[in-house]
Protein backbone atom coordinates (compact mmCIF):
# COMPACT_ATOMS: atom_id res chain seq x y z
CA MET A 1 76.16 137.56 108.72
CA LYS A 2 74.57 135.48 111.47
CA ARG A 3 72.14 132.85 110.24
CA GLU A 4 69.30 131.05 111.98
CA PRO A 5 70.54 128.06 114.02
CA SER A 6 69.97 124.63 112.61
CA GLY A 7 68.14 121.84 114.39
CA GLY A 8 64.56 121.82 115.69
CA PRO A 9 62.05 124.50 114.73
CA SER A 10 62.37 127.80 116.55
CA ARG A 11 59.41 129.68 118.03
CA ARG A 12 59.28 131.95 114.99
CA GLN A 13 59.36 128.96 112.61
CA VAL A 14 56.48 127.29 114.45
CA LEU A 15 54.40 130.45 114.27
CA ARG A 16 55.05 130.78 110.57
CA ARG A 17 53.99 127.18 109.93
CA VAL A 18 50.70 127.68 111.71
CA GLY A 19 49.92 130.92 109.93
CA GLY A 20 51.80 133.45 112.05
CA LEU A 21 52.32 135.57 108.95
CA ALA A 22 48.67 135.65 107.97
CA ALA A 23 46.93 138.99 108.46
CA ALA A 24 45.52 139.23 111.96
CA ALA A 25 44.40 142.01 114.25
CA VAL A 26 46.09 142.33 117.60
CA VAL A 27 43.53 142.03 120.39
CA GLY A 28 44.11 144.58 123.12
CA ALA A 29 47.27 146.46 123.97
CA VAL A 30 49.95 145.96 126.54
CA ALA A 31 49.15 148.30 129.43
CA LEU A 32 52.47 150.06 129.82
CA ASP A 33 52.36 153.68 130.87
CA GLN A 34 51.39 156.67 128.78
CA ALA A 35 49.63 156.78 125.45
CA GLY A 36 49.75 159.59 122.95
CA THR A 37 46.67 160.94 121.28
CA ALA A 38 45.82 159.79 117.79
CA SER A 39 43.32 160.26 114.99
CA ALA A 40 43.42 157.51 112.37
CA ALA A 41 41.85 154.62 110.53
CA VAL A 42 44.86 152.55 109.45
CA THR A 43 44.18 148.98 108.32
CA THR A 44 45.04 146.43 110.98
CA SER A 45 48.21 144.44 110.45
CA LYS A 46 50.72 142.18 112.13
CA ARG A 47 53.40 143.68 114.37
CA PHE A 48 56.98 142.84 115.19
CA ASP A 49 57.28 140.92 118.45
CA LEU A 50 59.82 142.97 120.38
CA THR A 51 60.54 140.05 122.72
CA ASP A 52 62.05 138.21 119.75
CA GLY A 53 65.81 137.85 119.96
CA SER A 54 67.92 140.02 117.65
CA ASP A 55 70.06 138.42 114.95
CA GLU A 56 73.31 139.98 113.76
CA TRP A 57 73.47 141.20 110.15
CA PHE A 58 76.66 143.30 110.07
CA ARG A 59 79.03 143.96 112.94
CA GLU A 60 81.29 147.02 112.94
CA ILE A 61 81.57 147.84 109.26
CA PRO A 62 83.12 151.16 108.15
CA LEU A 63 81.06 153.84 106.45
CA ASN A 64 82.30 156.76 104.36
CA GLU A 65 82.81 159.13 107.31
CA THR A 66 84.49 158.52 110.65
CA ARG A 67 81.58 160.06 112.60
CA ILE A 68 78.70 158.15 114.16
CA LEU A 69 75.93 156.57 112.13
CA GLN A 70 72.80 158.73 112.40
CA SER A 71 70.22 156.67 110.52
CA PHE A 72 69.76 154.21 107.67
CA ALA A 73 67.19 152.83 105.23
CA PHE A 74 66.91 149.98 102.74
CA ASP A 75 66.37 149.83 99.00
CA ASN A 76 64.80 146.39 99.08
CA THR A 77 64.38 146.23 95.30
CA ASN A 78 68.05 146.72 94.44
CA LYS A 79 69.38 145.31 97.72
CA HIS A 80 71.18 148.47 98.79
CA LEU A 81 71.65 149.99 102.23
CA TYR A 82 71.82 153.78 102.63
CA THR A 83 73.28 155.39 105.74
CA ALA A 84 73.40 158.99 106.97
CA GLN A 85 76.27 160.58 108.91
CA LEU A 86 77.35 164.12 109.64
CA VAL A 87 80.36 165.07 107.52
CA GLN A 88 83.60 164.61 109.40
CA GLY A 89 85.77 167.55 110.38
CA GLY A 90 88.64 168.37 108.03
CA ARG A 91 86.98 167.12 104.86
CA VAL A 92 87.00 169.50 101.88
CA LEU A 93 84.06 168.91 99.55
CA PRO A 94 83.97 169.76 95.83
CA GLY A 95 83.39 173.47 95.47
CA GLU A 96 84.86 174.29 98.90
CA THR A 97 88.14 176.16 99.35
CA GLN A 98 88.89 175.09 102.90
CA ALA A 99 88.06 172.40 105.41
CA ALA A 100 85.26 172.86 107.92
CA SER A 101 85.37 171.62 111.49
CA GLY A 102 83.09 168.87 112.73
CA ALA A 103 81.28 171.43 114.89
CA ASP A 104 80.60 173.61 111.86
CA ARG A 105 79.33 170.61 109.89
CA SER A 106 76.92 169.80 112.75
CA LYS A 107 75.73 173.42 112.96
CA ASN A 108 75.22 173.62 109.20
CA GLY A 109 73.53 170.23 108.98
CA ASP A 110 76.00 168.80 106.43
CA LEU A 111 75.38 165.11 105.80
CA CYS A 112 77.08 162.26 103.99
CA ILE A 113 74.90 159.54 102.47
CA THR A 114 76.75 156.25 101.94
CA ARG A 115 75.37 153.51 99.71
CA LEU A 116 76.39 149.92 100.49
CA ASP A 117 75.49 146.57 99.00
CA TRP A 118 74.06 143.81 101.15
CA GLN A 119 77.51 142.33 101.65
CA GLY A 120 78.52 145.51 103.49
CA TYR A 121 80.74 147.05 100.80
CA ILE A 122 80.60 150.78 100.03
CA ILE A 123 79.41 151.38 96.46
CA GLY A 124 78.76 155.11 96.49
CA ARG A 125 78.40 158.31 98.46
CA MET A 126 77.01 161.81 98.14
CA TYR A 127 76.98 164.93 100.29
CA LEU A 128 74.12 167.16 101.44
CA LYS A 129 74.99 170.67 102.66
CA GLY A 130 72.52 172.44 104.92
CA PHE A 131 70.07 169.54 105.21
CA GLY A 132 69.99 168.59 108.90
CA HIS A 133 71.05 166.08 111.53
CA GLY A 134 70.03 162.86 109.77
CA VAL A 135 67.88 161.39 112.55
CA SER A 136 65.86 159.43 109.96
CA ILE A 137 65.91 158.97 106.18
CA GLY A 138 63.69 157.20 103.66
CA VAL A 139 64.44 155.34 100.43
CA GLU A 140 62.11 155.05 97.43
CA PRO A 141 63.48 152.56 94.83
CA SER A 142 63.52 153.74 91.20
CA GLY A 143 64.93 151.50 88.49
CA ASN A 144 68.44 150.45 89.50
CA SER A 145 68.81 153.46 91.81
CA ALA A 146 66.59 155.22 94.33
CA TYR A 147 65.14 158.53 95.45
CA LEU A 148 66.16 159.53 98.95
CA TRP A 149 63.95 161.36 101.42
CA THR A 150 65.62 163.50 104.08
CA GLU A 151 65.12 166.63 106.11
CA CYS A 152 66.39 169.91 104.59
CA ASP A 153 66.65 173.67 105.11
CA SER A 154 68.55 173.11 108.34
CA VAL A 155 68.39 175.58 111.23
CA PRO A 156 70.69 175.22 114.27
CA ASP A 157 69.15 174.62 117.68
CA SER A 158 70.35 175.91 121.05
CA GLU A 159 73.15 173.32 121.04
CA ASN A 160 74.32 174.36 117.54
CA ASN A 161 73.08 171.20 115.85
CA GLY A 162 71.22 171.79 112.61
CA TYR A 163 67.79 170.22 112.08
CA GLY A 164 65.52 170.34 109.05
CA THR A 165 62.50 172.61 108.69
CA LYS A 166 61.34 170.96 105.45
CA ILE A 167 61.45 167.58 103.70
CA ALA A 168 63.55 166.86 100.59
CA ARG A 169 63.36 164.26 97.84
CA PHE A 170 66.20 163.71 95.35
CA LYS A 171 67.72 160.90 93.33
CA PHE A 172 70.90 159.32 94.61
CA ALA A 173 73.82 160.33 92.39
CA ASN A 174 77.26 159.07 93.33
CA GLY A 175 79.79 161.83 94.04
CA THR A 176 77.24 164.64 93.97
CA VAL A 177 77.13 167.55 96.43
CA LEU A 178 73.62 168.99 96.87
CA ARG A 179 72.14 171.98 98.66
CA PRO A 180 68.46 172.34 99.52
CA ASP A 181 67.99 174.76 96.62
CA SER A 182 69.76 172.50 94.09
CA ALA A 183 67.72 171.83 90.96
CA GLN A 184 67.74 168.09 91.71
CA VAL A 185 65.94 168.60 95.03
CA THR A 186 62.17 168.77 95.50
CA ARG A 187 61.14 170.29 98.82
CA PHE A 188 57.94 169.71 100.81
CA THR A 189 56.41 171.60 103.74
CA PRO A 190 53.74 169.27 105.17
CA VAL A 191 53.45 171.20 108.45
CA PRO A 192 54.39 174.89 108.06
CA GLY A 193 56.15 176.33 111.07
CA SER A 194 57.40 172.97 112.35
CA ASP A 195 61.02 172.07 113.08
CA HIS A 196 63.04 168.87 113.51
CA ASN A 197 61.34 167.41 110.42
CA THR A 198 62.29 163.86 109.41
CA VAL A 199 60.66 161.00 107.50
CA ALA A 200 60.68 157.20 107.21
CA ILE A 201 59.13 155.05 104.49
CA ASP A 202 57.09 151.89 105.02
CA PRO A 203 58.24 149.63 102.14
CA VAL A 204 55.30 147.24 102.56
CA THR A 205 52.41 149.73 102.30
CA ASN A 206 54.20 152.55 100.42
CA ARG A 207 53.44 155.06 103.14
CA ILE A 208 55.62 157.82 104.52
CA ALA A 209 55.82 158.71 108.21
CA HIS A 210 56.68 162.28 109.18
CA ARG A 211 58.02 163.25 112.60
CA HIS A 212 58.14 166.92 113.51
CA ARG A 213 57.86 169.34 116.38
CA VAL A 214 55.31 172.15 116.41
CA GLY A 215 54.70 174.48 119.34
CA GLY A 216 57.08 172.39 121.44
CA THR A 217 55.05 169.18 120.91
CA TRP A 218 56.36 166.17 119.01
CA LYS A 219 53.96 164.78 116.40
CA TYR A 220 53.93 161.91 113.91
CA SER A 221 51.80 161.77 110.78
CA LEU A 222 51.35 158.95 108.29
CA TYR A 223 50.66 159.64 104.61
CA ASP A 224 50.17 157.77 101.38
CA LEU A 225 53.52 158.19 99.62
CA ALA A 226 52.05 158.97 96.19
CA ALA A 227 49.76 161.62 97.67
CA PHE A 228 52.62 163.15 99.65
CA LYS A 229 54.75 163.40 96.50
CA ALA A 230 51.87 165.16 94.77
CA GLY A 231 51.76 167.74 97.56
CA THR A 232 48.56 166.46 99.18
CA PHE A 233 49.24 166.47 102.91
CA THR A 234 46.13 164.75 104.21
CA PRO A 235 47.36 162.28 106.84
CA LEU A 236 46.02 158.77 107.23
CA ALA A 237 47.00 159.04 110.89
CA THR A 238 48.35 161.62 113.29
CA LEU A 239 49.53 161.00 116.83
CA THR A 240 51.25 162.88 119.60
CA GLN A 241 54.49 161.32 120.80
CA PRO A 242 53.77 159.26 123.94
CA ALA A 243 55.19 160.74 127.12
CA VAL A 244 57.41 157.70 127.70
CA LEU A 245 59.55 158.91 124.76
CA THR A 246 60.01 162.51 125.89
CA GLY A 247 62.67 161.81 128.52
CA PRO A 248 65.06 159.33 126.84
CA THR A 249 67.46 160.24 124.04
CA PHE A 250 65.43 159.66 120.88
CA GLN A 251 67.44 157.86 118.20
CA GLY A 252 65.12 157.04 115.31
CA TYR A 253 61.91 155.48 114.06
CA THR A 254 60.24 153.58 111.25
CA SER A 255 56.78 152.36 110.32
CA MET A 256 55.21 149.18 108.98
CA GLY A 257 51.50 148.63 108.65
CA GLN A 258 49.50 149.58 111.73
CA TYR A 259 52.55 150.25 113.90
CA LEU A 260 55.13 152.95 114.44
CA TYR A 261 58.44 151.79 115.93
CA THR A 262 60.93 153.95 117.81
CA ILE A 263 64.37 153.47 119.33
CA ASP A 264 65.95 155.46 122.16
CA GLY A 265 68.98 155.24 124.41
CA THR A 266 72.56 156.38 124.83
CA ALA A 267 76.05 154.99 124.41
CA TYR A 268 77.96 153.03 127.01
CA THR A 269 80.15 155.07 129.33
CA TYR A 270 83.69 154.16 130.43
CA ASP A 271 86.15 155.25 133.08
CA ALA A 272 89.68 156.45 132.34
CA ASP A 273 90.99 152.89 132.43
CA GLY A 274 88.54 151.70 129.80
CA ASN A 275 86.19 149.89 132.18
CA ARG A 276 82.54 150.06 131.26
CA THR A 277 80.47 151.98 133.79
CA SER A 278 77.00 151.53 132.30
CA SER A 279 74.76 148.89 130.76
CA SER A 280 72.29 148.92 127.89
CA ASN A 281 69.52 151.51 128.09
CA THR A 282 68.38 150.96 124.50
CA TYR A 283 64.61 150.57 124.21
CA VAL A 284 62.49 149.71 121.19
CA THR A 285 58.84 150.75 121.34
CA SER A 286 55.84 149.91 119.17
CA ILE A 287 52.93 152.36 118.94
CA ASP A 288 49.52 151.78 117.36
CA TRP A 289 48.87 154.39 114.65
CA ASN A 290 45.12 154.12 115.25
CA THR A 291 45.10 154.89 118.96
CA GLY A 292 48.49 156.30 119.90
CA THR A 293 48.79 153.47 122.42
CA VAL A 294 52.24 152.28 123.44
CA TYR A 295 51.72 148.63 122.60
CA GLU A 296 55.10 147.26 123.64
CA ARG A 297 58.34 148.70 125.01
CA ARG A 298 61.33 146.43 125.46
CA LEU A 299 64.95 146.75 126.53
CA SER A 300 67.27 145.63 123.73
CA LYS A 301 70.60 143.95 124.34
CA ALA A 302 71.36 143.51 120.64
CA GLY A 303 75.07 144.01 120.06
CA GLU A 304 75.62 144.14 123.81
CA SER A 305 79.33 143.29 123.49
CA LEU A 306 80.07 146.25 121.20
CA PHE A 307 82.46 148.81 122.59
CA TYR A 308 80.73 152.20 123.05
CA ARG A 309 77.44 151.06 121.34
CA GLU A 310 75.06 153.93 120.62
CA PRO A 311 71.61 153.14 119.15
CA GLU A 312 71.19 154.93 115.81
CA GLY A 313 68.05 154.32 113.80
CA LEU A 314 65.47 151.74 112.76
CA ALA A 315 64.48 150.52 109.30
CA VAL A 316 62.46 147.74 107.68
CA GLN A 317 64.22 145.31 105.37
CA ILE A 318 62.38 142.98 102.97
CA PRO A 319 64.93 140.29 102.06
CA ASP A 320 62.84 139.04 99.13
CA MET A 321 60.36 141.45 97.52
CA SER A 322 58.38 138.51 96.12
CA THR A 323 57.37 137.73 99.72
CA PRO A 324 56.91 141.17 101.33
CA ALA A 325 55.16 139.64 104.35
CA VAL A 326 58.55 138.33 105.51
CA ALA A 327 60.17 141.43 106.96
CA ARG A 328 62.93 142.40 109.35
CA LEU A 329 63.00 145.27 111.82
CA HIS A 330 66.62 146.42 111.87
CA LEU A 331 68.28 148.22 114.78
CA GLY A 332 71.36 150.27 113.95
CA PHE A 333 74.27 150.94 116.33
CA GLY A 334 77.35 153.09 116.09
CA SER A 335 80.43 152.04 118.00
CA GLU A 336 84.17 152.51 118.27
CA GLU A 337 86.79 149.86 118.86
CA SER A 338 88.43 151.32 121.97
CA LEU A 339 89.14 154.55 123.83
CA THR A 340 92.04 155.19 121.45
CA GLN A 341 90.47 153.84 118.22
CA THR A 342 87.56 156.24 117.94
CA ASP A 343 86.65 156.10 114.24
CA LYS A 344 83.03 155.03 114.28
CA LYS A 345 81.78 151.75 112.83
CA ALA A 346 78.20 150.64 112.14
CA SER A 347 76.42 147.46 113.23
CA PHE A 348 72.97 146.15 112.37
CA TYR A 349 70.73 143.64 114.17
CA TYR A 350 67.21 142.57 113.30
CA LYS A 351 64.01 141.06 114.65
CA ASP A 352 61.82 139.11 112.22
CA LEU A 353 59.04 137.51 114.26
CA LEU A 354 55.67 138.93 113.18
CA VAL A 355 52.59 138.15 115.24
């Protein structure tokens, strides 16, 4: 784990000392390019400064499967990290009589959820058959465990990758294999007829963000988590995905307070001799829930020296729940060690300057 450098106060430390973490509205918005449309009245809040440098948390740790990290989320109460991957080809799950290929797992939307502690050690896993692609997951702490929120009722797209048509909530249970119709699973349909449904949970405000596609248009809605669980789908905010995000490869999102955060980009490319032929195209974007305005969009070079390096998800970590105003915006990356060592590893970097 990389720690803050010693010596004189950093920019973030100075801001904190002069009240940088006090509640404050952001005046104006950075005039980038396109804005989505929005309808909302979300309380103003601080935002993560995307120009802040990214600190390393974990570099290239193994997860349960050898496939790429898809997304992740934090249980800040119990200090656990949950990750989502597609099940690797050749694995035989309990109740199965033969191994499935990786392509079949992708088409079916079969996921593995790995639970790790905050030292990076695996402390549990479970499998979800027919749930989706795992673009984003949410975690709701409960006692010494947690309820997980994922997509479910997967349907394959034109590229034979399964994506969820509904939202699922279930308690993490080590070693369990679930299907969408398992008794342990509660399913929600906030937007009937939508596809590519995923969610992310704001651990500071206890809200749940829902990304989906309806009629070919990408939408985001923000709900009170308790109301959502009760089946009341009255959004606090709804916005159309800004046009700047329609071209790049979308890789995940999260929400905290007034702002929605997204990550997009692709992996490095290499020639046959192992020479890198591309540079970082990973961008992190902040969007105002109230207006749909793209507030800030920045190129990220976090983990730039990783081999392969594919951006995979965003999540908010609260290192100490007694001070929830001190938060970290984590960027996840999947990588492999070389052209011949292709088992995927996961790395996490964070920004923690709030302004």
